[in-house]
C-alpha atoms as a PDB file:
ATOM      1  CA  MET A   1       0.000   0.000   0.000  1.00  0.00           C
ATOM      2  CA  PHE A   2       1.259   3.482  -0.853  1.00  0.00           C
ATOM      3  CA  PHE A   3       0.002   6.544   0.933  1.00  0.00           C
ATOM      4  CA  ARG A   4       1.130  10.089   1.358  1.00  0.00           C
ATOM      5  CA  VAL A   5       0.927  12.289   4.403  1.00  0.00           C
ATOM      6  CA  THR A   6       0.762  15.843   3.135  1.00  0.00           C
ATOM      7  CA  ILE A   7       1.463  19.172   4.748  1.00  0.00           C
ATOM      8  CA  ALA A   8       4.523  21.177   3.942  1.00  0.00           C
ATOM      9  CA  CYS A   9       7.206  18.645   2.901  1.00  0.00           C
ATOM     10  CA  THR A  10       5.083  15.457   3.111  1.00  0.00           C
ATOM     11  CA  SER A  11       4.906  15.619   6.886  1.00  0.00           C
ATOM     12  CA  ALA A  12       1.900  15.426   9.128  1.00  0.00           C
ATOM     13  CA  PHE A  13       1.364  17.776  12.022  1.00  0.00           C
ATOM     14  CA  VAL A  14      -1.142  17.945  14.803  1.00  0.00           C
ATOM     15  CA  PHE A  15      -1.986  21.563  15.548  1.00  0.00           C
ATOM     16  CA  PHE A  16      -2.882  22.691  19.030  1.00  0.00           C
ATOM     17  CA  SER A  17      -4.388  25.823  20.513  1.00  0.00           C
ATOM     18  CA  VAL A  18      -5.290  26.309  24.158  1.00  0.00           C
ATOM     19  CA  PHE A  19      -8.947  25.695  24.904  1.00  0.00           C
ATOM     20  CA  ALA A  20      -9.118  24.850  28.603  1.00  0.00           C
ATOM     21  CA  ALA A  21      -6.596  23.928  31.283  1.00  0.00           C
ATOM     22  CA  ARG A  22      -7.283  22.358  34.618  1.00  0.00           C
ATOM     23  CA  PRO A  23      -4.921  21.087  37.337  1.00  0.00           C
ATOM     24  CA  LEU A  24      -4.571  17.366  37.971  1.00  0.00           C
ATOM     25  CA  ALA A  25      -3.089  15.638  41.025  1.00  0.00           C
ATOM     26  CA  ALA A  26       0.569  16.470  41.813  1.00  0.00           C
ATOM     27  CA  GLN A  27       0.447  19.705  39.796  1.00  0.00           C
ATOM     28  CA  ALA A  28       0.102  18.079  36.350  1.00  0.00           C
ATOM     29  CA  PHE A  29      -2.055  19.950  33.856  1.00  0.00           C
ATOM     30  CA  VAL A  30      -4.686  18.632  31.487  1.00  0.00           C
ATOM     31  CA  ILE A  31      -5.418  20.754  28.445  1.00  0.00           C
ATOM     32  CA  ASP A  32      -8.222  19.990  25.981  1.00  0.00           C
ATOM     33  CA  VAL A  33      -7.483  21.499  22.585  1.00  0.00           C
ATOM     34  CA  PRO A  34      -8.775  21.334  19.015  1.00  0.00           C
ATOM     35  CA  GLY A  35      -6.567  19.170  16.805  1.00  0.00           C
ATOM     36  CA  ALA A  36      -6.139  18.400  13.123  1.00  0.00           C
ATOM     37  CA  ILE A  37      -4.055  16.152  10.922  1.00  0.00           C
ATOM     38  CA  LEU A  38      -3.711  16.217   7.141  1.00  0.00           C
ATOM     39  CA  VAL A  39      -3.380  12.826   5.425  1.00  0.00           C
ATOM     40  CA  ASP A  40      -3.506  12.170   1.672  1.00  0.00           C
ATOM     41  CA  GLY A  41      -5.291  15.472   1.102  1.00  0.00           C
ATOM     42  CA  GLY A  42      -7.916  14.701   3.749  1.00  0.00           C
ATOM     43  CA  ILE A  43      -8.288  16.909   6.796  1.00  0.00           C
ATOM     44  CA  TYR A  44      -9.218  15.187  10.050  1.00  0.00           C
ATOM     45  CA  ARG A  45     -10.385  17.452  12.901  1.00  0.00           C
ATOM     46  CA  GLY A  46     -11.443  16.870  16.476  1.00  0.00           C
ATOM     47  CA  THR A  47     -10.317  17.180  20.073  1.00  0.00           C
ATOM     48  CA  CYS A  48      -6.983  16.401  21.710  1.00  0.00           C
ATOM     49  CA  HIS A  49      -6.435  15.675  25.395  1.00  0.00           C
ATOM     50  CA  HIS A  50      -2.977  16.975  26.393  1.00  0.00           C
ATOM     51  CA  VAL A  51      -1.433  16.018  29.761  1.00  0.00           C
ATOM     52  CA  ILE A  52       1.754  17.673  31.020  1.00  0.00           C
ATOM     53  CA  THR A  53       3.247  15.999  34.108  1.00  0.00           C
ATOM     54  CA  PRO A  54       5.316  17.766  36.800  1.00  0.00           C
ATOM     55  CA  SER A  55       8.457  16.130  35.338  1.00  0.00           C
ATOM     56  CA  GLY A  56       7.732  17.671  31.918  1.00  0.00           C
ATOM     57  CA  GLU A  57       6.449  14.552  30.189  1.00  0.00           C
ATOM     58  CA  GLU A  58       3.692  15.186  27.674  1.00  0.00           C
ATOM     59  CA  ASN A  59       1.023  12.734  26.580  1.00  0.00           C
ATOM     60  CA  ILE A  60      -1.471  13.656  23.893  1.00  0.00           C
ATOM     61  CA  SER A  61      -4.469  11.663  22.710  1.00  0.00           C
ATOM     62  CA  CYS A  62      -6.583  12.929  19.791  1.00  0.00           C
ATOM     63  CA  HIS A  63      -9.865  11.628  18.420  1.00  0.00           C
ATOM     64  CA  LEU A  64     -10.441  13.078  14.963  1.00  0.00           C
ATOM     65  CA  THR A  65     -13.048  12.720  12.205  1.00  0.00           C
ATOM     66  CA  LEU A  66     -12.613  13.300   8.480  1.00  0.00           C
ATOM     67  CA  ASP A  67     -13.731  16.864   7.748  1.00  0.00           C
ATOM     68  CA  THR A  68     -12.831  17.135   4.058  1.00  0.00           C
ATOM     69  CA  GLY A  69     -11.389  14.711   1.537  1.00  0.00           C
ATOM     70  CA  THR A  70     -11.692  11.005   0.847  1.00  0.00           C
ATOM     71  CA  PRO A  71     -11.263   8.392   3.599  1.00  0.00           C
ATOM     72  CA  GLU A  72      -8.412   5.893   3.420  1.00  0.00           C
ATOM     73  CA  SER A  73      -9.282   2.653   1.616  1.00  0.00           C
ATOM     74  CA  GLU A  74      -7.811   0.571   4.452  1.00  0.00           C
ATOM     75  CA  THR A  75      -6.550   1.140   7.980  1.00  0.00           C
ATOM     76  CA  THR A  76      -3.334   3.158   7.820  1.00  0.00           C
ATOM     77  CA  HIS A  77      -0.670   3.586  10.511  1.00  0.00           C
ATOM     78  CA  ILE A  78       1.578   6.659  10.431  1.00  0.00           C
ATOM     79  CA  SER A  79       4.452   7.734  12.682  1.00  0.00           C
ATOM     80  CA  TYR A  80       5.672  11.313  12.500  1.00  0.00           C
ATOM     81  CA  ILE A  81       7.064  14.208  14.503  1.00  0.00           C
ATOM     82  CA  GLY A  82       4.168  16.517  15.362  1.00  0.00           C
ATOM     83  CA  SER A  83       4.203  20.202  16.148  1.00  0.00           C
ATOM     84  CA  ASN A  84       3.606  21.028  19.795  1.00  0.00           C
ATOM     85  CA  LYS A  85       2.446  24.462  20.911  1.00  0.00           C
ATOM     86  CA  PHE A  86       3.436  23.685  24.504  1.00  0.00           C
ATOM     87  CA  GLY A  87       7.007  22.473  23.902  1.00  0.00           C
ATOM     88  CA  PRO A  88       9.404  21.013  21.348  1.00  0.00           C
ATOM     89  CA  PRO A  89       8.169  18.804  18.468  1.00  0.00           C
ATOM     90  CA  ILE A  90       6.869  15.476  19.742  1.00  0.00           C
ATOM     91  CA  PRO A  91       6.798  11.909  18.287  1.00  0.00           C
ATOM     92  CA  CYS A  92       3.274  10.870  17.263  1.00  0.00           C
ATOM     93  CA  ASP A  93       1.515   7.786  15.937  1.00  0.00           C
ATOM     94  CA  ALA A  94      -1.761   7.922  14.032  1.00  0.00           C
ATOM     95  CA  VAL A  95      -4.221   5.221  13.041  1.00  0.00           C
ATOM     96  CA  ILE A  96      -6.528   6.305  10.213  1.00  0.00           C
ATOM     97  CA  THR A  97      -9.512   4.054   9.469  1.00  0.00           C
ATOM     98  CA  PRO A  98     -11.666   3.673   6.347  1.00  0.00           C
ATOM     99  CA  ASN A  99     -14.711   4.949   8.268  1.00  0.00           C
ATOM    100  CA  GLY A 100     -13.173   8.450   8.369  1.00  0.00           C
ATOM    101  CA  ARG A 101     -11.743   8.418  11.871  1.00  0.00           C
ATOM    102  CA  ALA A 102      -8.201   9.032  13.101  1.00  0.00           C
ATOM    103  CA  ASN A 103      -6.750   8.357  16.525  1.00  0.00           C
ATOM    104  CA  VAL A 104      -3.466  10.072  17.313  1.00  0.00           C
ATOM    105  CA  THR A 105      -1.188   9.552  20.318  1.00  0.00           C
ATOM    106  CA  CYS A 106       1.935  11.578  21.033  1.00  0.00           C
ATOM    107  CA  HIS A 107       4.397  11.384  23.915  1.00  0.00           C
ATOM    108  CA  ASN A 108       7.905  12.457  24.766  1.00  0.00           C
END
């Protein structure tokens, strides 16, 4: 199977903007933000749950739905370095399904 992840130089990025922040136990923060990923010309949008621990670890989980474009013909797995508004770029993995959904996880 051949697929292309497109944005800038055939990279995929998850974009974040602050929506709401709330403290978690031990001073960690949970931030819910809008997210998007561009894959094969399709734009998937939804919500990302971003957790920053006191030690600086970041864990992001996004649940996205195809907004524009054509869904993948089969389940596709993608690993990439995503943009991160709250710190340096972060390694991410995405699973894109033929039903127009994408689940993205990122962690440092």
